[in-house]
Every structure is written in structure tokens, then in C-alpha cells.
Amino acid sequence: MPSVLEWDTVFEDIKDSIKADEKGRVILGREFSGKHFRVSVSPNGQILLTPVVIIPERDLWLYKNPQALARFHQGMAEAAAGKVTAGEDFSKYADDDIKDE
């Protein structure tokens, strides 16, 4: 699956040789521990591992909505800059009965 992003074309060898075990697994090293990767294979058999970030499906809508994502980043920047105001105090409603409708 080609990416919209530009692929790197310069790679550094990190190991001279590794052998896949009987289940097809290879050890990359501790620096890659716990990371997720997309695995791509070229027609000539080269394997490319691209680091990816996994997000919960319920959060995917935000990344598919450019306006919402821009507002999210704006809100985070404002909060980091201390541009926040106290919201309304709802504690007076804490003991109210909630009616199911």
C-alpha cells in the first residue's frame, strides 16, 4: 500500500545478518522493543518496517476531521499557555435525581 508521504531511500545497516526463527520471527534489538511497525515487501523480496502509532478506533474520527484536529491543537496550545478559564460549578446539582426519559 503506497503512502501519501515520501519514503526514505537511504538506509543504514543495523545488523550484518539475522536469521528468522521457526515461527518467522527476527530480533531487532531493545531499541525497537514495544514498537509497532507496518511491514511492506518489495517485488524483489526486500522487507521494509515502518514505525506506526496505534490509536483507538473511537479516536480515529478526530484524525479524519481536519477542522476538529486543528481546534484540538489550538485548545491544547491555549491550555499550555495558561489561557484557560474556570468553568461553571455544577456541584450544586450533585445530589439531584436523574430521570430516565
PDB file of N, CA and C in Angstrom:
ATOM      1  N   MET A   1       0.850  -1.165   0.000  1.00  0.00           N
ATOM      2  CA  MET A   1       0.000   0.000   0.000  1.00  0.00           C
ATOM      3  C   MET A   1       0.897   1.230   0.000  1.00  0.00           C
ATOM      4  N   PRO A   2       0.986   1.973  -1.099  1.00  0.00           N
ATOM      5  CA  PRO A   2       1.838   3.162  -1.138  1.00  0.00           C
ATOM      6  C   PRO A   2       1.312   4.235  -0.198  1.00  0.00           C
ATOM      7  N   SER A   3       2.212   4.955   0.374  1.00  0.00           N
ATOM      8  CA  SER A   3       1.848   6.013   1.299  1.00  0.00           C
ATOM      9  C   SER A   3       1.810   7.354   0.577  1.00  0.00           C
ATOM     10  N   VAL A   4       1.025   8.275   1.130  1.00  0.00           N
ATOM     11  CA  VAL A   4       0.985   9.631   0.601  1.00  0.00           C
ATOM     12  C   VAL A   4       2.294  10.337   0.939  1.00  0.00           C
ATOM     13  N   LEU A   5       2.926   9.905   2.029  1.00  0.00           N
ATOM     14  CA  LEU A   5       4.171  10.518   2.459  1.00  0.00           C
ATOM     15  C   LEU A   5       5.320  10.004   1.620  1.00  0.00           C
ATOM     16  N   GLU A   6       6.358  10.792   1.534  1.00  0.00           N
ATOM     17  CA  GLU A   6       7.548  10.387   0.785  1.00  0.00           C
ATOM     18  C   GLU A   6       8.321   9.351   1.593  1.00  0.00           C
ATOM     19  N   TRP A   7       8.763   8.304   0.934  1.00  0.00           N
ATOM     20  CA  TRP A   7       9.527   7.250   1.588  1.00  0.00           C
ATOM     21  C   TRP A   7      10.998   7.632   1.616  1.00  0.00           C
ATOM     22  N   ASP A   8      11.689   7.246   2.691  1.00  0.00           N
ATOM     23  CA  ASP A   8      13.139   7.412   2.739  1.00  0.00           C
ATOM     24  C   ASP A   8      13.773   6.428   1.770  1.00  0.00           C
ATOM     25  N   THR A   9      14.875   6.823   1.180  1.00  0.00           N
ATOM     26  CA  THR A   9      15.562   5.937   0.243  1.00  0.00           C
ATOM     27  C   THR A   9      16.963   5.578   0.720  1.00  0.00           C
ATOM     28  N   VAL A  10      17.411   6.158   1.821  1.00  0.00           N
ATOM     29  CA  VAL A  10      18.727   5.865   2.362  1.00  0.00           C
ATOM     30  C   VAL A  10      18.538   5.101   3.669  1.00  0.00           C
ATOM     31  N   PHE A  11      19.173   3.936   3.749  1.00  0.00           N
ATOM     32  CA  PHE A  11      19.040   3.113   4.942  1.00  0.00           C
ATOM     33  C   PHE A  11      20.410   2.798   5.500  1.00  0.00           C
ATOM     34  N   GLU A  12      20.466   2.588   6.809  1.00  0.00           N
ATOM     35  CA  GLU A  12      21.704   2.215   7.483  1.00  0.00           C
ATOM     36  C   GLU A  12      21.564   0.777   7.945  1.00  0.00           C
ATOM     37  N   ASP A  13      22.540  -0.068   7.635  1.00  0.00           N
ATOM     38  CA  ASP A  13      22.521  -1.441   8.129  1.00  0.00           C
ATOM     39  C   ASP A  13      22.716  -1.415   9.637  1.00  0.00           C
ATOM     40  N   ILE A  14      21.847  -2.109  10.364  1.00  0.00           N
ATOM     41  CA  ILE A  14      21.998  -2.160  11.820  1.00  0.00           C
ATOM     42  C   ILE A  14      22.494  -3.525  12.283  1.00  0.00           C
ATOM     43  N   LYS A  15      22.369  -4.520  11.436  1.00  0.00           N
ATOM     44  CA  LYS A  15      22.904  -5.856  11.719  1.00  0.00           C
ATOM     45  C   LYS A  15      23.379  -6.445  10.400  1.00  0.00           C
ATOM     46  N   ASP A  16      24.494  -7.173  10.446  1.00  0.00           N
ATOM     47  CA  ASP A  16      25.013  -7.796   9.232  1.00  0.00           C
ATOM     48  C   ASP A  16      24.123  -8.933   8.761  1.00  0.00           C
ATOM     49  N   SER A  17      23.651  -9.719   9.717  1.00  0.00           N
ATOM     50  CA  SER A  17      22.838 -10.872   9.348  1.00  0.00           C
ATOM     51  C   SER A  17      22.004 -11.302  10.537  1.00  0.00           C
ATOM     52  N   ILE A  18      20.749 -11.603  10.291  1.00  0.00           N
ATOM     53  CA  ILE A  18      19.914 -12.207  11.313  1.00  0.00           C
ATOM     54  C   ILE A  18      19.148 -13.349  10.663  1.00  0.00           C
ATOM     55  N   LYS A  19      18.774 -14.316  11.471  1.00  0.00           N
ATOM     56  CA  LYS A  19      18.056 -15.473  10.958  1.00  0.00           C
ATOM     57  C   LYS A  19      16.691 -15.529  11.623  1.00  0.00           C
ATOM     58  N   ALA A  20      15.664 -15.685  10.807  1.00  0.00           N
ATOM     59  CA  ALA A  20      14.313 -15.835  11.348  1.00  0.00           C
ATOM     60  C   ALA A  20      14.224 -17.196  12.051  1.00  0.00           C
ATOM     61  N   ASP A  21      13.503 -17.223  13.189  1.00  0.00           N
ATOM     62  CA  ASP A  21      13.332 -18.498  13.881  1.00  0.00           C
ATOM     63  C   ASP A  21      12.262 -19.343  13.188  1.00  0.00           C
ATOM     64  N   GLU A  22      11.917 -20.482  13.772  1.00  0.00           N
ATOM     65  CA  GLU A  22      10.981 -21.405  13.141  1.00  0.00           C
ATOM     66  C   GLU A  22       9.579 -20.818  12.953  1.00  0.00           C
ATOM     67  N   LYS A  23       9.268 -19.743  13.665  1.00  0.00           N
ATOM     68  CA  LYS A  23       7.970 -19.073  13.509  1.00  0.00           C
ATOM     69  C   LYS A  23       8.070 -17.831  12.625  1.00  0.00           C
ATOM     70  N   GLY A  24       9.236 -17.586  12.039  1.00  0.00           N
ATOM     71  CA  GLY A  24       9.417 -16.434  11.159  1.00  0.00           C
ATOM     72  C   GLY A  24       9.748 -15.149  11.877  1.00  0.00           C
ATOM     73  N   ARG A  25      10.092 -15.230  13.152  1.00  0.00           N
ATOM     74  CA  ARG A  25      10.392 -14.027  13.933  1.00  0.00           C
ATOM     75  C   ARG A  25      11.866 -13.668  13.837  1.00  0.00           C
ATOM     76  N   VAL A  26      12.139 -12.361  13.881  1.00  0.00           N
ATOM     77  CA  VAL A  26      13.516 -11.868  13.943  1.00  0.00           C
ATOM     78  C   VAL A  26      13.626 -10.915  15.123  1.00  0.00           C
ATOM     79  N   ILE A  27      14.802 -10.834  15.680  1.00  0.00           N
ATOM     80  CA  ILE A  27      15.065  -9.949  16.818  1.00  0.00           C
ATOM     81  C   ILE A  27      15.722  -8.679  16.288  1.00  0.00           C
ATOM     82  N   LEU A  28      15.101  -7.534  16.544  1.00  0.00           N
ATOM     83  CA  LEU A  28      15.649  -6.261  16.070  1.00  0.00           C
ATOM     84  C   LEU A  28      16.562  -5.608  17.100  1.00  0.00           C
ATOM     85  N   GLY A  29      16.309  -5.839  18.361  1.00  0.00           N
ATOM     86  CA  GLY A  29      17.096  -5.218  19.424  1.00  0.00           C
ATOM     87  C   GLY A  29      16.207  -4.416  20.354  1.00  0.00           C
ATOM     88  N   ARG A  30      16.723  -4.138  21.535  1.00  0.00           N
ATOM     89  CA  ARG A  30      15.940  -3.459  22.581  1.00  0.00           C
ATOM     90  C   ARG A  30      15.414  -2.078  22.166  1.00  0.00           C
ATOM     91  N   GLU A  31      16.144  -1.385  21.305  1.00  0.00           N
ATOM     92  CA  GLU A  31      15.704  -0.038  20.925  1.00  0.00           C
ATOM     93  C   GLU A  31      14.371  -0.055  20.179  1.00  0.00           C
ATOM     94  N   PHE A  32      13.979  -1.208  19.673  1.00  0.00           N
ATOM     95  CA  PHE A  32      12.712  -1.336  18.954  1.00  0.00           C
ATOM     96  C   PHE A  32      11.649  -2.040  19.788  1.00  0.00           C
ATOM     97  N   SER A  33      11.970  -2.390  21.005  1.00  0.00           N
ATOM     98  CA  SER A  33      11.061  -3.133  21.873  1.00  0.00           C
ATOM     99  C   SER A  33       9.756  -2.379  22.105  1.00  0.00           C
ATOM    100  N   GLY A  34       8.653  -3.073  21.934  1.00  0.00           N
ATOM    101  CA  GLY A  34       7.335  -2.496  22.201  1.00  0.00           C
ATOM    102  C   GLY A  34       6.793  -1.602  21.102  1.00  0.00           C
ATOM    103  N   LYS A  35       7.527  -1.401  20.038  1.00  0.00           N
ATOM    104  CA  LYS A  35       7.064  -0.532  18.948  1.00  0.00           C
ATOM    105  C   LYS A  35       6.230  -1.331  17.948  1.00  0.00           C
ATOM    106  N   HIS A  36       5.355  -0.635  17.259  1.00  0.00           N
ATOM    107  CA  HIS A  36       4.526  -1.227  16.210  1.00  0.00           C
ATOM    108  C   HIS A  36       5.093  -0.828  14.852  1.00  0.00           C
ATOM    109  N   PHE A  37       4.969  -1.742  13.883  1.00  0.00           N
ATOM    110  CA  PHE A  37       5.502  -1.488  12.550  1.00  0.00           C
ATOM    111  C   PHE A  37       4.524  -1.940  11.479  1.00  0.00           C
ATOM    112  N   ARG A  38       4.490  -1.209  10.371  1.00  0.00           N
ATOM    113  CA  ARG A  38       3.843  -1.692   9.147  1.00  0.00           C
ATOM    114  C   ARG A  38       4.919  -2.467   8.409  1.00  0.00           C
ATOM    115  N   VAL A  39       4.573  -3.636   7.902  1.00  0.00           N
ATOM    116  CA  VAL A  39       5.529  -4.476   7.184  1.00  0.00           C
ATOM    117  C   VAL A  39       5.187  -4.438   5.703  1.00  0.00           C
ATOM    118  N   SER A  40       6.145  -4.027   4.870  1.00  0.00           N
ATOM    119  CA  SER A  40       5.964  -3.960   3.421  1.00  0.00           C
ATOM    120  C   SER A  40       7.027  -4.828   2.768  1.00  0.00           C
ATOM    121  N   VAL A  41       6.663  -5.457   1.669  1.00  0.00           N
ATOM    122  CA  VAL A  41       7.594  -6.300   0.927  1.00  0.00           C
ATOM    123  C   VAL A  41       7.626  -5.834  -0.518  1.00  0.00           C
ATOM    124  N   SER A  42       8.849  -5.663  -1.056  1.00  0.00           N
ATOM    125  CA  SER A  42       9.005  -5.251  -2.454  1.00  0.00           C
ATOM    126  C   SER A  42       8.945  -6.489  -3.350  1.00  0.00           C
ATOM    127  N   PRO A  43       8.765  -6.289  -4.657  1.00  0.00           N
ATOM    128  CA  PRO A  43       8.742  -7.429  -5.577  1.00  0.00           C
ATOM    129  C   PRO A  43      10.015  -8.280  -5.528  1.00  0.00           C
ATOM    130  N   ASN A  44      11.155  -7.663  -5.160  1.00  0.00           N
ATOM    131  CA  ASN A  44      12.396  -8.448  -5.104  1.00  0.00           C
ATOM    132  C   ASN A  44      12.668  -9.030  -3.722  1.00  0.00           C
ATOM    133  N   GLY A  45      11.692  -8.924  -2.810  1.00  0.00           N
ATOM    134  CA  GLY A  45      11.802  -9.564  -1.502  1.00  0.00           C
ATOM    135  C   GLY A  45      12.350  -8.718  -0.380  1.00  0.00           C
ATOM    136  N   GLN A  46      12.675  -7.452  -0.636  1.00  0.00           N
ATOM    137  CA  GLN A  46      13.145  -6.588   0.447  1.00  0.00           C
ATOM    138  C   GLN A  46      11.972  -6.290   1.381  1.00  0.00           C
ATOM    139  N   ILE A  47      12.262  -6.278   2.671  1.00  0.00           N
ATOM    140  CA  ILE A  47      11.235  -6.022   3.685  1.00  0.00           C
ATOM    141  C   ILE A  47      11.500  -4.662   4.298  1.00  0.00           C
ATOM    142  N   LEU A  48      10.463  -3.856   4.374  1.00  0.00           N
ATOM    143  CA  LEU A  48      10.561  -2.525   4.965  1.00  0.00           C
ATOM    144  C   LEU A  48       9.643  -2.470   6.184  1.00  0.00           C
ATOM    145  N   LEU A  49      10.191  -2.085   7.334  1.00  0.00           N
ATOM    146  CA  LEU A  49       9.416  -1.897   8.561  1.00  0.00           C
ATOM    147  C   LEU A  49       9.274  -0.399   8.786  1.00  0.00           C
ATOM    148  N   THR A  50       8.039   0.076   8.816  1.00  0.00           N
ATOM    149  CA  THR A  50       7.779   1.494   9.033  1.00  0.00           C
ATOM    150  C   THR A  50       7.121   1.664  10.397  1.00  0.00           C
ATOM    151  N   PRO A  51       7.743   2.430  11.314  1.00  0.00           N
ATOM    152  CA  PRO A  51       7.122   2.630  12.622  1.00  0.00           C
ATOM    153  C   PRO A  51       5.748   3.290  12.476  1.00  0.00           C
ATOM    154  N   VAL A  52       4.780   2.788  13.220  1.00  0.00           N
ATOM    155  CA  VAL A  52       3.435   3.344  13.211  1.00  0.00           C
ATOM    156  C   VAL A  52       2.965   3.540  14.644  1.00  0.00           C
ATOM    157  N   VAL A  53       1.969   4.375  14.802  1.00  0.00           N
ATOM    158  CA  VAL A  53       1.336   4.596  16.091  1.00  0.00           C
ATOM    159  C   VAL A  53      -0.077   4.046  16.000  1.00  0.00           C
ATOM    160  N   ILE A  54      -0.475   3.280  16.976  1.00  0.00           N
ATOM    161  CA  ILE A  54      -1.807   2.700  17.006  1.00  0.00           C
ATOM    162  C   ILE A  54      -2.691   3.585  17.884  1.00  0.00           C
ATOM    163  N   ILE A  55      -3.843   3.978  17.344  1.00  0.00           N
ATOM    164  CA  ILE A  55      -4.786   4.770  18.130  1.00  0.00           C
ATOM    165  C   ILE A  55      -6.088   3.998  18.233  1.00  0.00           C
ATOM    166  N   PRO A  56      -6.835   4.198  19.310  1.00  0.00           N
ATOM    167  CA  PRO A  56      -8.120   3.519  19.430  1.00  0.00           C
ATOM    168  C   PRO A  56      -9.068   3.938  18.306  1.00  0.00           C
ATOM    169  N   GLU A  57      -9.867   3.000  17.826  1.00  0.00           N
ATOM    170  CA  GLU A  57     -10.795   3.274  16.729  1.00  0.00           C
ATOM    171  C   GLU A  57     -11.756   4.412  17.091  1.00  0.00           C
ATOM    172  N   ARG A  58     -12.129   4.491  18.361  1.00  0.00           N
ATOM    173  CA  ARG A  58     -13.066   5.538  18.772  1.00  0.00           C
ATOM    174  C   ARG A  58     -12.474   6.942  18.624  1.00  0.00           C
ATOM    175  N   ASP A  59     -11.139   7.052  18.539  1.00  0.00           N
ATOM    176  CA  ASP A  59     -10.472   8.348  18.389  1.00  0.00           C
ATOM    177  C   ASP A  59     -10.149   8.682  16.936  1.00  0.00           C
ATOM    178  N   LEU A  60     -10.363   7.746  16.027  1.00  0.00           N
ATOM    179  CA  LEU A  60      -9.990   7.921  14.633  1.00  0.00           C
ATOM    180  C   LEU A  60     -10.702   9.101  13.970  1.00  0.00           C
ATOM    181  N   TRP A  61     -11.946   9.360  14.384  1.00  0.00           N
ATOM    182  CA  TRP A  61     -12.725  10.450  13.776  1.00  0.00           C
ATOM    183  C   TRP A  61     -11.955  11.775  13.853  1.00  0.00           C
ATOM    184  N   LEU A  62     -11.248  12.007  14.955  1.00  0.00           N
ATOM    185  CA  LEU A  62     -10.533  13.271  15.140  1.00  0.00           C
ATOM    186  C   LEU A  62      -9.463  13.456  14.073  1.00  0.00           C
ATOM    187  N   TYR A  63      -8.750  12.400  13.749  1.00  0.00           N
ATOM    188  CA  TYR A  63      -7.678  12.490  12.768  1.00  0.00           C
ATOM    189  C   TYR A  63      -8.197  12.551  11.344  1.00  0.00           C
ATOM    190  N   LYS A  64      -9.464  12.186  11.144  1.00  0.00           N
ATOM    191  CA  LYS A  64     -10.076  12.270   9.818  1.00  0.00           C
ATOM    192  C   LYS A  64     -10.818  13.584   9.607  1.00  0.00           C
ATOM    193  N   ASN A  65     -10.877  14.421  10.648  1.00  0.00           N
ATOM    194  CA  ASN A  65     -11.603  15.681  10.579  1.00  0.00           C
ATOM    195  C   ASN A  65     -10.602  16.828  10.782  1.00  0.00           C
ATOM    196  N   PRO A  66     -10.109  17.437   9.700  1.00  0.00           N
ATOM    197  CA  PRO A  66      -9.070  18.469   9.831  1.00  0.00           C
ATOM    198  C   PRO A  66      -9.479  19.663  10.696  1.00  0.00           C
ATOM    199  N   GLN A  67     -10.751  20.075  10.613  1.00  0.00           N
ATOM    200  CA  GLN A  67     -11.186  21.216  11.426  1.00  0.00           C
ATOM    201  C   GLN A  67     -11.167  20.863  12.909  1.00  0.00           C
ATOM    202  N   ALA A  68     -11.669  19.679  13.250  1.00  0.00           N
ATOM    203  CA  ALA A  68     -11.680  19.267  14.653  1.00  0.00           C
ATOM    204  C   ALA A  68     -10.256  19.098  15.176  1.00  0.00           C
ATOM    205  N   LEU A  69      -9.373  18.532  14.359  1.00  0.00           N
ATOM    206  CA  LEU A  69      -7.989  18.338  14.782  1.00  0.00           C
ATOM    207  C   LEU A  69      -7.299  19.683  14.996  1.00  0.00           C
ATOM    208  N   ALA A  70      -7.564  20.654  14.114  1.00  0.00           N
ATOM    209  CA  ALA A  70      -6.981  21.997  14.274  1.00  0.00           C
ATOM    210  C   ALA A  70      -7.483  22.642  15.564  1.00  0.00           C
ATOM    211  N   ARG A  71      -8.770  22.486  15.851  1.00  0.00           N
ATOM    212  CA  ARG A  71      -9.327  23.054  17.091  1.00  0.00           C
ATOM    213  C   ARG A  71      -8.739  22.376  18.316  1.00  0.00           C
ATOM    214  N   PHE A  72      -8.550  21.063  18.224  1.00  0.00           N
ATOM    215  CA  PHE A  72      -7.934  20.322  19.327  1.00  0.00           C
ATOM    216  C   PHE A  72      -6.540  20.868  19.607  1.00  0.00           C
ATOM    217  N   HIS A  73      -5.723  21.009  18.546  1.00  0.00           N
ATOM    218  CA  HIS A  73      -4.362  21.527  18.728  1.00  0.00           C
ATOM    219  C   HIS A  73      -4.372  22.961  19.247  1.00  0.00           C
ATOM    220  N   GLN A  74      -5.322  23.760  18.774  1.00  0.00           N
ATOM    221  CA  GLN A  74      -5.432  25.133  19.266  1.00  0.00           C
ATOM    222  C   GLN A  74      -5.767  25.132  20.761  1.00  0.00           C
ATOM    223  N   GLY A  75      -6.702  24.289  21.158  1.00  0.00           N
ATOM    224  CA  GLY A  75      -7.068  24.198  22.572  1.00  0.00           C
ATOM    225  C   GLY A  75      -5.909  23.732  23.436  1.00  0.00           C
ATOM    226  N   MET A  76      -5.151  22.754  22.940  1.00  0.00           N
ATOM    227  CA  MET A  76      -4.002  22.274  23.704  1.00  0.00           C
ATOM    228  C   MET A  76      -2.945  23.370  23.842  1.00  0.00           C
ATOM    229  N   ALA A  77      -2.727  24.144  22.774  1.00  0.00           N
ATOM    230  CA  ALA A  77      -1.752  25.236  22.823  1.00  0.00           C
ATOM    231  C   ALA A  77      -2.207  26.316  23.792  1.00  0.00           C
ATOM    232  N   GLU A  78      -3.494  26.636  23.764  1.00  0.00           N
ATOM    233  CA  GLU A  78      -4.028  27.646  24.687  1.00  0.00           C
ATOM    234  C   GLU A  78      -3.909  27.173  26.128  1.00  0.00           C
ATOM    235  N   ALA A  79      -4.198  25.904  26.380  1.00  0.00           N
ATOM    236  CA  ALA A  79      -4.078  25.363  27.737  1.00  0.00           C
ATOM    237  C   ALA A  79      -2.624  25.400  28.205  1.00  0.00           C
ATOM    238  N   ALA A  80      -1.694  25.035  27.313  1.00  0.00           N
ATOM    239  CA  ALA A  80      -0.275  25.051  27.669  1.00  0.00           C
ATOM    240  C   ALA A  80       0.204  26.466  27.964  1.00  0.00           C
ATOM    241  N   ALA A  81      -0.399  27.459  27.295  1.00  0.00           N
ATOM    242  CA  ALA A  81      -0.015  28.862  27.501  1.00  0.00           C
ATOM    243  C   ALA A  81      -0.746  29.478  28.698  1.00  0.00           C
ATOM    244  N   GLY A  82      -1.573  28.678  29.380  1.00  0.00           N
ATOM    245  CA  GLY A  82      -2.302  29.179  30.544  1.00  0.00           C
ATOM    246  C   GLY A  82      -3.532  29.985  30.202  1.00  0.00           C
ATOM    247  N   LYS A  83      -3.973  29.924  28.959  1.00  0.00           N
ATOM    248  CA  LYS A  83      -5.157  30.667  28.529  1.00  0.00           C
ATOM    249  C   LYS A  83      -6.410  29.833  28.793  1.00  0.00           C
ATOM    250  N   VAL A  84      -6.686  29.602  30.065  1.00  0.00           N
ATOM    251  CA  VAL A  84      -7.855  28.817  30.446  1.00  0.00           C
ATOM    252  C   VAL A  84      -8.707  29.623  31.413  1.00  0.00           C
ATOM    253  N   THR A  85      -9.975  29.318  31.433  1.00  0.00           N
ATOM    254  CA  THR A  85     -10.879  29.968  32.380  1.00  0.00           C
ATOM    255  C   THR A  85     -11.638  28.885  33.132  1.00  0.00           C
ATOM    256  N   ALA A  86     -12.019  29.207  34.341  1.00  0.00           N
ATOM    257  CA  ALA A  86     -12.780  28.257  35.152  1.00  0.00           C
ATOM    258  C   ALA A  86     -14.179  28.113  34.566  1.00  0.00           C
ATOM    259  N   GLY A  87     -14.638  26.882  34.514  1.00  0.00           N
ATOM    260  CA  GLY A  87     -15.986  26.624  34.028  1.00  0.00           C
ATOM    261  C   GLY A  87     -17.002  26.813  35.144  1.00  0.00           C
ATOM    262  N   GLU A  88     -18.249  26.640  34.799  1.00  0.00           N
ATOM    263  CA  GLU A  88     -19.333  26.768  35.768  1.00  0.00           C
ATOM    264  C   GLU A  88     -19.229  25.660  36.807  1.00  0.00           C
ATOM    265  N   ASP A  89     -19.585  25.961  38.053  1.00  0.00           N
ATOM    266  CA  ASP A  89     -19.575  24.978  39.130  1.00  0.00           C
ATOM    267  C   ASP A  89     -20.892  24.204  39.112  1.00  0.00           C
ATOM    268  N   PHE A  90     -20.827  22.926  38.795  1.00  0.00           N
ATOM    269  CA  PHE A  90     -22.013  22.088  38.732  1.00  0.00           C
ATOM    270  C   PHE A  90     -22.222  21.274  40.003  1.00  0.00           C
ATOM    271  N   SER A  91     -21.436  21.507  41.036  1.00  0.00           N
ATOM    272  CA  SER A  91     -21.540  20.713  42.249  1.00  0.00           C
ATOM    273  C   SER A  91     -22.902  20.870  42.926  1.00  0.00           C
ATOM    274  N   LYS A  92     -23.581  21.974  42.680  1.00  0.00           N
ATOM    275  CA  LYS A  92     -24.906  22.165  43.288  1.00  0.00           C
ATOM    276  C   LYS A  92     -25.927  21.165  42.760  1.00  0.00           C
ATOM    277  N   TYR A  93     -25.618  20.523  41.645  1.00  0.00           N
ATOM    278  CA  TYR A  93     -26.523  19.537  41.062  1.00  0.00           C
ATOM    279  C   TYR A  93     -26.146  18.101  41.428  1.00  0.00           C
ATOM    280  N   ALA A  94     -25.130  17.926  42.238  1.00  0.00           N
ATOM    281  CA  ALA A  94     -24.596  16.600  42.517  1.00  0.00           C
ATOM    282  C   ALA A  94     -25.617  15.657  43.148  1.00  0.00           C
ATOM    283  N   ASP A  95     -26.517  16.162  43.959  1.00  0.00           N
ATOM    284  CA  ASP A  95     -27.490  15.298  44.628  1.00  0.00           C
ATOM    285  C   ASP A  95     -28.832  15.222  43.917  1.00  0.00           C
ATOM    286  N   ASP A  96     -28.964  15.858  42.759  1.00  0.00           N
ATOM    287  CA  ASP A  96     -30.224  15.811  42.019  1.00  0.00           C
ATOM    288  C   ASP A  96     -30.495  14.419  41.485  1.00  0.00           C
ATOM    289  N   ASP A  97     -31.765  14.039  41.486  1.00  0.00           N
ATOM    290  CA  ASP A  97     -32.151  12.769  40.886  1.00  0.00           C
ATOM    291  C   ASP A  97     -32.176  12.938  39.366  1.00  0.00           C
ATOM    292  N   ILE A  98     -31.685  11.949  38.688  1.00  0.00           N
ATOM    293  CA  ILE A  98     -31.687  11.968  37.232  1.00  0.00           C
ATOM    294  C   ILE A  98     -32.825  11.084  36.757  1.00  0.00           C
ATOM    295  N   LYS A  99     -33.701  11.655  35.946  1.00  0.00           N
ATOM    296  CA  LYS A  99     -34.839  10.908  35.431  1.00  0.00           C
ATOM    297  C   LYS A  99     -34.503  10.351  34.070  1.00  0.00           C
ATOM    298  N   ASP A 100     -34.755   9.049  33.892  1.00  0.00           N
ATOM    299  CA  ASP A 100     -34.585   8.438  32.583  1.00  0.00           C
ATOM    300  C   ASP A 100     -35.795   8.789  31.735  1.00  0.00           C
ATOM    301  N   GLU A 101     -35.562   9.260  30.544  1.00  0.00           N
ATOM    302  CA  GLU A 101     -36.674   9.619  29.670  1.00  0.00           C
ATOM    303  C   GLU A 101     -36.755   8.699  28.501  1.00  0.00           C
TER     304      GLU A 101
END
